[in-house]
Amino acid sequence: MDATELKEQLQLIQSKNFAADEVEHPYELALHMLQHIGSTDPVLRDELIYVTFATWIGQGIFSEEQLRVLLHKAMDDQHLFYGIGEKGTDSVFTRAFSVLLLPPILNMDRQRKFLIKADIEAIHHRLTTYLKEEKDVRGYVDEKGWAHAPAHASDAVEDLAQSRYMDETALRELLDSLAVQITESTAVYIHDEDQRIAQAVVTIVRRRLLNRSDLAAWIAALEQACIDQTGKRSYVEISRISMNVRVFLQTLYLVIRKEEQDPFPIVRELVLGALEKE
C-alpha cells in the first residue's frame, strides 16, 4: 500500500472516530502504517498513523502477540535505529515516531501483563542505547512537522520506568541515558523538552528504588557536564549545555516543589544546591 492509499484509508477511519469495526484486517493495516511511520507528511505521520496506533492499542484492537510483534518491529534497525547518528535528515521522523509507539504498548502491558522480562530488558537496552546515539534533536521542522526525538524518547522512558521488571540498576541506567539528552551541546531546547524529560525523571524517582547517593551522583554528573574538562568543546557548546542543564533543573524543581513523599525532598535539596552554584 503506497502513502496516498494509506492516507485516504486512514482519513476515512478518522472520520469515523478511528473505529476499527469496519476495518477487515486492522493488524495488516498496522503493518502498512509501520512502513510509513517516518513519512515527511505531518498529517499522515502524526495525525493519522500515530493517532490510529495509539487509539487502537488503547482500545485493545490488537492481540497480545500482535502487540509484541509491533513492539519489536518498532525497535528494530529499520525503525528506531534507522539512520541513527544522522542530523538534519528526514530519517529522524522514522526514529522519533517509532519510539513513540512504546508508551501505549507499555501502558497496555501494565493492564494485561503480557510482556515477559526478556521483552522489557530488550526495550530497556534499545531505548537507553537510542537515547545515547540520537543526534538529531530538532523539535518542530518547517513543513514537515514535529520530530521531537528527545521528548518522544522521554515519554517512552516514563512508561518503561513503571514496569514491574525495572530494578535499581535499570532505573539508574535510564537516568544516565536521559542525562545524555539533557546535556545536549548542539542546540538549546525550545520546545518543552525539559518538561517531558522532567516528567520521566519524576516517574523514575517515584519508584523509590534509588537512594541519596544515586541521585546526588546523577545531579553532580549534570553539573560536571557544564565544565569543559577536556578542552575540546567550544564556548558556544558549553553555553548550550549549561543552558539546557539549568533549564532542566529549574523545571524539575518546579515539578516536584509540592512532592513530600521520599525521596523528593532529597531531590529538591540536591537540585536547589546545584542551581545555587550557577
C-alpha atoms as a PDB file:
ATOM      1  CA  MET A   1       0.000   0.000   0.000  1.00  0.00           C
ATOM      2  CA  ASP A   2       1.504   3.352  -1.008  1.00  0.00           C
ATOM      3  CA  ALA A   3       1.340   6.512   1.105  1.00  0.00           C
ATOM      4  CA  THR A   4      -1.560   8.033  -0.830  1.00  0.00           C
ATOM      5  CA  GLU A   5      -3.745   4.939  -0.453  1.00  0.00           C
ATOM      6  CA  LEU A   6      -2.855   4.645   3.226  1.00  0.00           C
ATOM      7  CA  LYS A   7      -3.654   8.305   3.882  1.00  0.00           C
ATOM      8  CA  GLU A   8      -7.050   8.003   2.197  1.00  0.00           C
ATOM      9  CA  GLN A   9      -7.927   4.892   4.189  1.00  0.00           C
ATOM     10  CA  LEU A  10      -6.814   6.409   7.486  1.00  0.00           C
ATOM     11  CA  GLN A  11      -8.714   9.631   6.790  1.00  0.00           C
ATOM     12  CA  LEU A  12     -11.841   7.534   6.318  1.00  0.00           C
ATOM     13  CA  ILE A  13     -11.134   5.764   9.608  1.00  0.00           C
ATOM     14  CA  GLN A  14     -10.522   9.140  11.260  1.00  0.00           C
ATOM     15  CA  SER A  15     -13.897  10.392  10.019  1.00  0.00           C
ATOM     16  CA  LYS A  16     -15.477   7.504  11.915  1.00  0.00           C
ATOM     17  CA  ASN A  17     -13.662   8.354  15.170  1.00  0.00           C
ATOM     18  CA  PHE A  18     -10.956   5.753  14.488  1.00  0.00           C
ATOM     19  CA  ALA A  19     -13.438   2.903  14.893  1.00  0.00           C
ATOM     20  CA  ALA A  20     -11.865  -0.398  13.842  1.00  0.00           C
ATOM     21  CA  ASP A  21     -15.201  -2.178  13.411  1.00  0.00           C
ATOM     22  CA  GLU A  22     -15.345  -1.673   9.662  1.00  0.00           C
ATOM     23  CA  VAL A  23     -11.652  -2.444   9.049  1.00  0.00           C
ATOM     24  CA  GLU A  24     -11.366  -6.012   7.809  1.00  0.00           C
ATOM     25  CA  HIS A  25      -7.786  -6.613   8.908  1.00  0.00           C
ATOM     26  CA  PRO A  26      -6.621  -3.972  11.448  1.00  0.00           C
ATOM     27  CA  TYR A  27      -3.299  -5.710  12.100  1.00  0.00           C
ATOM     28  CA  GLU A  28      -2.381  -5.876   8.412  1.00  0.00           C
ATOM     29  CA  LEU A  29      -3.185  -2.181   8.140  1.00  0.00           C
ATOM     30  CA  ALA A  30      -0.994  -1.563  11.185  1.00  0.00           C
ATOM     31  CA  LEU A  31       1.938  -3.193   9.402  1.00  0.00           C
ATOM     32  CA  HIS A  32       1.400  -0.817   6.464  1.00  0.00           C
ATOM     33  CA  MET A  33       1.290   2.106   8.905  1.00  0.00           C
ATOM     34  CA  LEU A  34       4.597   0.999  10.372  1.00  0.00           C
ATOM     35  CA  GLN A  35       6.139   1.053   6.884  1.00  0.00           C
ATOM     36  CA  HIS A  36       5.167   4.728   6.539  1.00  0.00           C
ATOM     37  CA  ILE A  37       5.714   5.847  10.133  1.00  0.00           C
ATOM     38  CA  GLY A  38       8.587   8.094   9.048  1.00  0.00           C
ATOM     39  CA  SER A  39       6.613   9.931   6.352  1.00  0.00           C
ATOM     40  CA  THR A  40       7.517  13.592   5.928  1.00  0.00           C
ATOM     41  CA  ASP A  41       3.816  14.334   5.542  1.00  0.00           C
ATOM     42  CA  PRO A  42       2.914  15.530   9.068  1.00  0.00           C
ATOM     43  CA  VAL A  43      -0.770  14.756   8.603  1.00  0.00           C
ATOM     44  CA  LEU A  44      -0.105  11.161   7.600  1.00  0.00           C
ATOM     45  CA  ARG A  45       2.637  10.567  10.156  1.00  0.00           C
ATOM     46  CA  ASP A  46       1.335  12.391  13.219  1.00  0.00           C
ATOM     47  CA  GLU A  47      -2.401  12.922  12.887  1.00  0.00           C
ATOM     48  CA  LEU A  48      -3.263   9.648  11.161  1.00  0.00           C
ATOM     49  CA  ILE A  49      -0.662   6.907  11.672  1.00  0.00           C
ATOM     50  CA  TYR A  50       0.342   7.756  15.240  1.00  0.00           C
ATOM     51  CA  VAL A  51      -3.157   8.624  16.449  1.00  0.00           C
ATOM     52  CA  THR A  52      -4.607   5.461  14.888  1.00  0.00           C
ATOM     53  CA  PHE A  53      -1.900   3.337  16.526  1.00  0.00           C
ATOM     54  CA  ALA A  54      -2.384   4.956  19.946  1.00  0.00           C
ATOM     55  CA  THR A  55      -6.178   4.720  19.734  1.00  0.00           C
ATOM     56  CA  TRP A  56      -6.317   1.110  18.595  1.00  0.00           C
ATOM     57  CA  ILE A  57      -3.699  -0.054  21.083  1.00  0.00           C
ATOM     58  CA  GLY A  58      -5.645   1.645  23.861  1.00  0.00           C
ATOM     59  CA  GLN A  59      -8.886   0.066  22.676  1.00  0.00           C
ATOM     60  CA  GLY A  60      -7.371  -3.423  22.723  1.00  0.00           C
ATOM     61  CA  ILE A  61      -7.796  -3.953  18.979  1.00  0.00           C
ATOM     62  CA  PHE A  62      -4.563  -5.957  18.711  1.00  0.00           C
ATOM     63  CA  SER A  63      -3.858  -9.300  20.328  1.00  0.00           C
ATOM     64  CA  GLU A  64      -1.009  -9.635  22.803  1.00  0.00           C
ATOM     65  CA  GLU A  65       1.128 -11.445  20.236  1.00  0.00           C
ATOM     66  CA  GLN A  66       0.410  -8.766  17.633  1.00  0.00           C
ATOM     67  CA  LEU A  67       1.409  -6.070  20.110  1.00  0.00           C
ATOM     68  CA  ARG A  68       4.638  -7.920  20.844  1.00  0.00           C
ATOM     69  CA  VAL A  69       5.454  -8.118  17.118  1.00  0.00           C
ATOM     70  CA  LEU A  70       4.677  -4.414  16.612  1.00  0.00           C
ATOM     71  CA  LEU A  71       6.841  -3.574  19.616  1.00  0.00           C
ATOM     72  CA  HIS A  72       9.900  -5.437  18.368  1.00  0.00           C
ATOM     73  CA  LYS A  73       9.461  -4.119  14.817  1.00  0.00           C
ATOM     74  CA  ALA A  74       9.294  -0.573  16.149  1.00  0.00           C
ATOM     75  CA  MET A  75      12.610  -1.130  17.939  1.00  0.00           C
ATOM     76  CA  ASP A  76      14.481  -2.725  15.048  1.00  0.00           C
ATOM     77  CA  ASP A  77      17.225  -1.244  12.880  1.00  0.00           C
ATOM     78  CA  GLN A  78      14.751  -0.146  10.208  1.00  0.00           C
ATOM     79  CA  HIS A  79      12.701   1.886  12.654  1.00  0.00           C
ATOM     80  CA  LEU A  80      14.140   3.052  15.987  1.00  0.00           C
ATOM     81  CA  PHE A  81      17.700   2.918  14.638  1.00  0.00           C
ATOM     82  CA  TYR A  82      17.012   3.887  11.032  1.00  0.00           C
ATOM     83  CA  GLY A  83      19.727   6.382  10.051  1.00  0.00           C
ATOM     84  CA  ILE A  84      20.867   6.698  13.670  1.00  0.00           C
ATOM     85  CA  GLY A  85      23.569   9.327  14.076  1.00  0.00           C
ATOM     86  CA  GLU A  86      22.313  11.478  11.205  1.00  0.00           C
ATOM     87  CA  LYS A  87      21.455  15.125  11.823  1.00  0.00           C
ATOM     88  CA  GLY A  88      19.165  17.288   9.736  1.00  0.00           C
ATOM     89  CA  THR A  89      17.851  14.435   7.571  1.00  0.00           C
ATOM     90  CA  ASP A  90      14.360  13.008   7.266  1.00  0.00           C
ATOM     91  CA  SER A  91      15.374   9.734   8.933  1.00  0.00           C
ATOM     92  CA  VAL A  92      14.657  11.349  12.310  1.00  0.00           C
ATOM     93  CA  PHE A  93      10.920  11.078  11.700  1.00  0.00           C
ATOM     94  CA  THR A  94      11.124   7.283  11.474  1.00  0.00           C
ATOM     95  CA  ARG A  95      13.121   7.086  14.706  1.00  0.00           C
ATOM     96  CA  ALA A  96      11.099   9.654  16.628  1.00  0.00           C
ATOM     97  CA  PHE A  97       7.721   8.153  15.801  1.00  0.00           C
ATOM     98  CA  SER A  98       8.861   4.569  16.237  1.00  0.00           C
ATOM     99  CA  VAL A  99       9.917   5.343  19.813  1.00  0.00           C
ATOM    100  CA  LEU A 100       6.532   6.973  20.365  1.00  0.00           C
ATOM    101  CA  LEU A 101       4.846   3.594  19.850  1.00  0.00           C
ATOM    102  CA  LEU A 102       6.451   2.263  23.040  1.00  0.00           C
ATOM    103  CA  PRO A 103       4.337   4.219  25.568  1.00  0.00           C
ATOM    104  CA  PRO A 104       0.891   2.928  24.510  1.00  0.00           C
ATOM    105  CA  ILE A 105       2.201  -0.658  24.309  1.00  0.00           C
ATOM    106  CA  LEU A 106       3.856  -0.383  27.724  1.00  0.00           C
ATOM    107  CA  ASN A 107       0.687   1.151  29.117  1.00  0.00           C
ATOM    108  CA  MET A 108      -1.296  -1.809  27.805  1.00  0.00           C
ATOM    109  CA  ASP A 109       1.231  -4.158  29.414  1.00  0.00           C
ATOM    110  CA  ARG A 110       0.537  -2.570  32.800  1.00  0.00           C
ATOM    111  CA  GLN A 111      -3.089  -3.568  32.318  1.00  0.00           C
ATOM    112  CA  ARG A 112      -2.629  -7.049  30.791  1.00  0.00           C
ATOM    113  CA  LYS A 113       0.889  -8.027  31.937  1.00  0.00           C
ATOM    114  CA  PHE A 114       1.637  -9.784  28.655  1.00  0.00           C
ATOM    115  CA  LEU A 115       5.276  -8.702  28.198  1.00  0.00           C
ATOM    116  CA  ILE A 116       7.823 -11.019  29.774  1.00  0.00           C
ATOM    117  CA  LYS A 117      11.029  -9.916  31.473  1.00  0.00           C
ATOM    118  CA  ALA A 118      13.053 -10.521  28.296  1.00  0.00           C
ATOM    119  CA  ASP A 119      10.787  -8.119  26.383  1.00  0.00           C
ATOM    120  CA  ILE A 120      11.276  -5.381  28.976  1.00  0.00           C
ATOM    121  CA  GLU A 121      15.027  -5.965  29.050  1.00  0.00           C
ATOM    122  CA  ALA A 122      15.102  -5.618  25.257  1.00  0.00           C
ATOM    123  CA  ILE A 123      13.153  -2.355  25.440  1.00  0.00           C
ATOM    124  CA  HIS A 124      15.493  -1.075  28.135  1.00  0.00           C
ATOM    125  CA  HIS A 125      18.589  -1.931  26.111  1.00  0.00           C
ATOM    126  CA  ARG A 126      17.302  -0.480  22.845  1.00  0.00           C
ATOM    127  CA  LEU A 127      15.858   2.655  24.428  1.00  0.00           C
ATOM    128  CA  THR A 128      18.911   3.547  26.515  1.00  0.00           C
ATOM    129  CA  THR A 129      21.156   2.920  23.508  1.00  0.00           C
ATOM    130  CA  TYR A 130      18.914   5.049  21.316  1.00  0.00           C
ATOM    131  CA  LEU A 131      18.959   7.964  23.765  1.00  0.00           C
ATOM    132  CA  LYS A 132      22.751   7.911  23.774  1.00  0.00           C
ATOM    133  CA  GLU A 133      23.049   7.697  19.975  1.00  0.00           C
ATOM    134  CA  GLU A 134      20.283  10.047  18.758  1.00  0.00           C
ATOM    135  CA  LYS A 135      21.965  13.184  17.375  1.00  0.00           C
ATOM    136  CA  ASP A 136      19.018  14.950  15.743  1.00  0.00           C
ATOM    137  CA  VAL A 137      17.307  16.980  18.464  1.00  0.00           C
ATOM    138  CA  ARG A 138      15.159  19.212  16.278  1.00  0.00           C
ATOM    139  CA  GLY A 139      11.727  19.975  17.658  1.00  0.00           C
ATOM    140  CA  TYR A 140       9.351  21.377  15.063  1.00  0.00           C
ATOM    141  CA  VAL A 141      10.542  21.202  11.456  1.00  0.00           C
ATOM    142  CA  ASP A 142       9.037  23.646   8.967  1.00  0.00           C
ATOM    143  CA  GLU A 143       6.627  21.980   6.515  1.00  0.00           C
ATOM    144  CA  LYS A 144       7.332  18.514   7.976  1.00  0.00           C
ATOM    145  CA  GLY A 145       6.009  18.932  11.490  1.00  0.00           C
ATOM    146  CA  TRP A 146       7.277  17.513  14.739  1.00  0.00           C
ATOM    147  CA  ALA A 147      10.428  15.426  15.021  1.00  0.00           C
ATOM    148  CA  HIS A 148      10.934  15.956  18.780  1.00  0.00           C
ATOM    149  CA  ALA A 149      13.037  12.844  19.357  1.00  0.00           C
ATOM    150  CA  PRO A 150      14.247  13.758  22.895  1.00  0.00           C
ATOM    151  CA  ALA A 151      10.692  14.425  24.054  1.00  0.00           C
ATOM    152  CA  HIS A 152       9.264  11.282  22.461  1.00  0.00           C
ATOM    153  CA  ALA A 153      12.042   9.117  23.894  1.00  0.00           C
ATOM    154  CA  SER A 154      11.461  10.654  27.326  1.00  0.00           C
ATOM    155  CA  ASP A 155       7.801   9.665  27.100  1.00  0.00           C
ATOM    156  CA  ALA A 156       8.949   6.105  26.453  1.00  0.00           C
ATOM    157  CA  VAL A 157      11.308   6.234  29.443  1.00  0.00           C
ATOM    158  CA  GLU A 158       8.465   7.442  31.648  1.00  0.00           C
ATOM    159  CA  ASP A 159       6.365   4.407  30.749  1.00  0.00           C
ATOM    160  CA  LEU A 160       9.236   1.929  30.882  1.00  0.00           C
ATOM    161  CA  ALA A 161      10.228   3.151  34.359  1.00  0.00           C
ATOM    162  CA  GLN A 162       6.859   1.952  35.652  1.00  0.00           C
ATOM    163  CA  SER A 163       7.481  -1.642  34.585  1.00  0.00           C
ATOM    164  CA  ARG A 164       7.496  -4.254  37.327  1.00  0.00           C
ATOM    165  CA  TYR A 165      10.787  -5.528  35.910  1.00  0.00           C
ATOM    166  CA  MET A 166      12.725  -2.270  36.338  1.00  0.00           C
ATOM    167  CA  ASP A 167      15.108  -2.561  39.290  1.00  0.00           C
ATOM    168  CA  GLU A 168      17.520  -0.044  40.829  1.00  0.00           C
ATOM    169  CA  THR A 169      20.273  -0.690  38.287  1.00  0.00           C
ATOM    170  CA  ALA A 170      17.896  -0.369  35.331  1.00  0.00           C
ATOM    171  CA  LEU A 171      16.487   2.902  36.666  1.00  0.00           C
ATOM    172  CA  ARG A 172      19.981   4.350  37.144  1.00  0.00           C
ATOM    173  CA  GLU A 173      20.751   3.459  33.535  1.00  0.00           C
ATOM    174  CA  LEU A 174      17.568   5.213  32.388  1.00  0.00           C
ATOM    175  CA  LEU A 175      18.644   8.349  34.262  1.00  0.00           C
ATOM    176  CA  ASP A 176      22.099   8.178  32.706  1.00  0.00           C
ATOM    177  CA  SER A 177      20.650   7.896  29.210  1.00  0.00           C
ATOM    178  CA  LEU A 178      18.372  10.887  29.832  1.00  0.00           C
ATOM    179  CA  ALA A 179      21.419  12.849  31.002  1.00  0.00           C
ATOM    180  CA  VAL A 180      22.929  12.484  27.521  1.00  0.00           C
ATOM    181  CA  GLN A 181      19.950  14.326  26.072  1.00  0.00           C
ATOM    182  CA  ILE A 182      19.839  16.907  28.870  1.00  0.00           C
ATOM    183  CA  THR A 183      23.482  17.828  28.249  1.00  0.00           C
ATOM    184  CA  GLU A 184      22.941  18.437  24.533  1.00  0.00           C
ATOM    185  CA  SER A 185      25.635  20.699  23.066  1.00  0.00           C
ATOM    186  CA  THR A 186      24.407  21.332  19.511  1.00  0.00           C
ATOM    187  CA  ALA A 187      21.184  23.186  20.337  1.00  0.00           C
ATOM    188  CA  VAL A 188      19.270  24.897  23.113  1.00  0.00           C
ATOM    189  CA  TYR A 189      15.910  23.233  23.661  1.00  0.00           C
ATOM    190  CA  ILE A 190      12.926  25.486  22.947  1.00  0.00           C
ATOM    191  CA  HIS A 191      10.032  23.038  22.520  1.00  0.00           C
ATOM    192  CA  ASP A 192       9.333  21.956  26.134  1.00  0.00           C
ATOM    193  CA  GLU A 193      11.839  19.110  26.010  1.00  0.00           C
ATOM    194  CA  ASP A 194      12.740  19.999  29.615  1.00  0.00           C
ATOM    195  CA  GLN A 195       9.155  19.314  30.715  1.00  0.00           C
ATOM    196  CA  ARG A 196       8.984  15.915  29.055  1.00  0.00           C
ATOM    197  CA  ILE A 197      12.383  14.839  30.399  1.00  0.00           C
ATOM    198  CA  ALA A 198      11.491  16.096  33.881  1.00  0.00           C
ATOM    199  CA  GLN A 199       8.306  14.023  33.896  1.00  0.00           C
ATOM    200  CA  ALA A 200      10.327  10.923  33.054  1.00  0.00           C
ATOM    201  CA  VAL A 201      12.757  11.676  35.887  1.00  0.00           C
ATOM    202  CA  VAL A 202       9.893  12.197  38.340  1.00  0.00           C
ATOM    203  CA  THR A 203       8.449   8.798  37.419  1.00  0.00           C
ATOM    204  CA  ILE A 204      11.841   7.155  37.967  1.00  0.00           C
ATOM    205  CA  VAL A 205      12.251   8.844  41.359  1.00  0.00           C
ATOM    206  CA  ARG A 206       8.708   7.901  42.373  1.00  0.00           C
ATOM    207  CA  ARG A 207       9.661   4.215  42.192  1.00  0.00           C
ATOM    208  CA  ARG A 208      11.606   4.859  45.436  1.00  0.00           C
ATOM    209  CA  LEU A 209      14.368   2.446  44.449  1.00  0.00           C
ATOM    210  CA  LEU A 210      17.173   4.998  44.180  1.00  0.00           C
ATOM    211  CA  ASN A 211      18.994   6.251  47.259  1.00  0.00           C
ATOM    212  CA  ARG A 212      20.531   9.639  48.029  1.00  0.00           C
ATOM    213  CA  SER A 213      23.955   8.700  46.669  1.00  0.00           C
ATOM    214  CA  ASP A 214      22.424   7.572  43.351  1.00  0.00           C
ATOM    215  CA  LEU A 215      20.536  10.836  42.969  1.00  0.00           C
ATOM    216  CA  ALA A 216      23.433  13.003  44.141  1.00  0.00           C
ATOM    217  CA  ALA A 217      25.822  11.348  41.698  1.00  0.00           C
ATOM    218  CA  TRP A 218      23.391  11.950  38.836  1.00  0.00           C
ATOM    219  CA  ILE A 219      22.916  15.642  39.644  1.00  0.00           C
ATOM    220  CA  ALA A 220      26.684  16.029  40.052  1.00  0.00           C
ATOM    221  CA  ALA A 221      27.225  14.480  36.615  1.00  0.00           C
ATOM    222  CA  LEU A 222      24.919  17.092  35.078  1.00  0.00           C
ATOM    223  CA  GLU A 223      26.929  19.823  36.810  1.00  0.00           C
ATOM    224  CA  GLN A 224      30.212  18.368  35.584  1.00  0.00           C
ATOM    225  CA  ALA A 225      28.940  18.306  32.012  1.00  0.00           C
ATOM    226  CA  CYS A 226      28.800  22.118  32.154  1.00  0.00           C
ATOM    227  CA  ILE A 227      32.566  22.241  32.682  1.00  0.00           C
ATOM    228  CA  ASP A 228      34.871  21.638  29.726  1.00  0.00           C
ATOM    229  CA  GLN A 229      37.381  19.288  31.318  1.00  0.00           C
ATOM    230  CA  THR A 230      38.889  18.128  28.025  1.00  0.00           C
ATOM    231  CA  GLY A 231      39.362  21.474  26.298  1.00  0.00           C
ATOM    232  CA  LYS A 232      37.684  20.062  23.200  1.00  0.00           C
ATOM    233  CA  ARG A 233      34.374  21.945  23.415  1.00  0.00           C
ATOM    234  CA  SER A 234      33.838  25.473  22.166  1.00  0.00           C
ATOM    235  CA  TYR A 235      32.494  28.271  24.341  1.00  0.00           C
ATOM    236  CA  VAL A 236      29.201  28.097  22.450  1.00  0.00           C
ATOM    237  CA  GLU A 237      28.860  24.353  23.067  1.00  0.00           C
ATOM    238  CA  ILE A 238      29.492  24.751  26.794  1.00  0.00           C
ATOM    239  CA  SER A 239      26.994  27.614  26.904  1.00  0.00           C
ATOM    240  CA  ARG A 240      24.327  25.432  25.286  1.00  0.00           C
ATOM    241  CA  ILE A 241      24.974  22.576  27.695  1.00  0.00           C
ATOM    242  CA  SER A 242      24.816  24.940  30.674  1.00  0.00           C
ATOM    243  CA  MET A 243      21.562  26.457  29.455  1.00  0.00           C
ATOM    244  CA  ASN A 244      19.951  23.066  28.863  1.00  0.00           C
ATOM    245  CA  VAL A 245      21.048  21.757  32.258  1.00  0.00           C
ATOM    246  CA  ARG A 246      19.931  24.884  34.093  1.00  0.00           C
ATOM    247  CA  VAL A 247      16.504  24.998  32.459  1.00  0.00           C
ATOM    248  CA  PHE A 248      16.009  21.285  33.101  1.00  0.00           C
ATOM    249  CA  LEU A 249      16.919  21.634  36.799  1.00  0.00           C
ATOM    250  CA  GLN A 250      14.634  24.637  37.193  1.00  0.00           C
ATOM    251  CA  THR A 251      11.786  22.736  35.551  1.00  0.00           C
ATOM    252  CA  LEU A 252      12.403  19.646  37.669  1.00  0.00           C
ATOM    253  CA  TYR A 253      12.392  21.763  40.833  1.00  0.00           C
ATOM    254  CA  LEU A 254       9.064  23.340  39.924  1.00  0.00           C
ATOM    255  CA  VAL A 255       7.507  19.983  39.023  1.00  0.00           C
ATOM    256  CA  ILE A 256       8.443  18.422  42.386  1.00  0.00           C
ATOM    257  CA  ARG A 257       8.084  21.506  44.591  1.00  0.00           C
ATOM    258  CA  LYS A 258       4.996  20.107  46.384  1.00  0.00           C
ATOM    259  CA  GLU A 259       6.045  16.438  46.457  1.00  0.00           C
ATOM    260  CA  GLU A 260       6.553  15.335  50.058  1.00  0.00           C
ATOM    261  CA  GLN A 261       6.976  11.580  49.605  1.00  0.00           C
ATOM    262  CA  ASP A 262      10.556  10.336  49.946  1.00  0.00           C
ATOM    263  CA  PRO A 263      12.906  10.797  48.186  1.00  0.00           C
ATOM    264  CA  PHE A 264      11.501  14.008  46.628  1.00  0.00           C
ATOM    265  CA  PRO A 265      12.665  16.292  49.493  1.00  0.00           C
ATOM    266  CA  ILE A 266      16.179  14.949  48.892  1.00  0.00           C
ATOM    267  CA  VAL A 267      15.910  15.630  45.163  1.00  0.00           C
ATOM    268  CA  ARG A 268      14.711  19.204  45.826  1.00  0.00           C
ATOM    269  CA  GLU A 269      17.662  19.763  48.123  1.00  0.00           C
ATOM    270  CA  LEU A 270      20.123  18.438  45.533  1.00  0.00           C
ATOM    271  CA  VAL A 271      18.590  20.386  42.667  1.00  0.00           C
ATOM    272  CA  LEU A 272      18.458  23.634  44.637  1.00  0.00           C
ATOM    273  CA  GLY A 273      22.070  23.150  45.675  1.00  0.00           C
ATOM    274  CA  ALA A 274      23.101  22.714  42.032  1.00  0.00           C
ATOM    275  CA  LEU A 275      21.136  25.785  40.932  1.00  0.00           C
ATOM    276  CA  GLU A 276      22.653  27.935  43.655  1.00  0.00           C
ATOM    277  CA  LYS A 277      26.108  27.172  42.241  1.00  0.00           C
ATOM    278  CA  GLU A 278      25.158  28.662  38.879  1.00  0.00           C
END
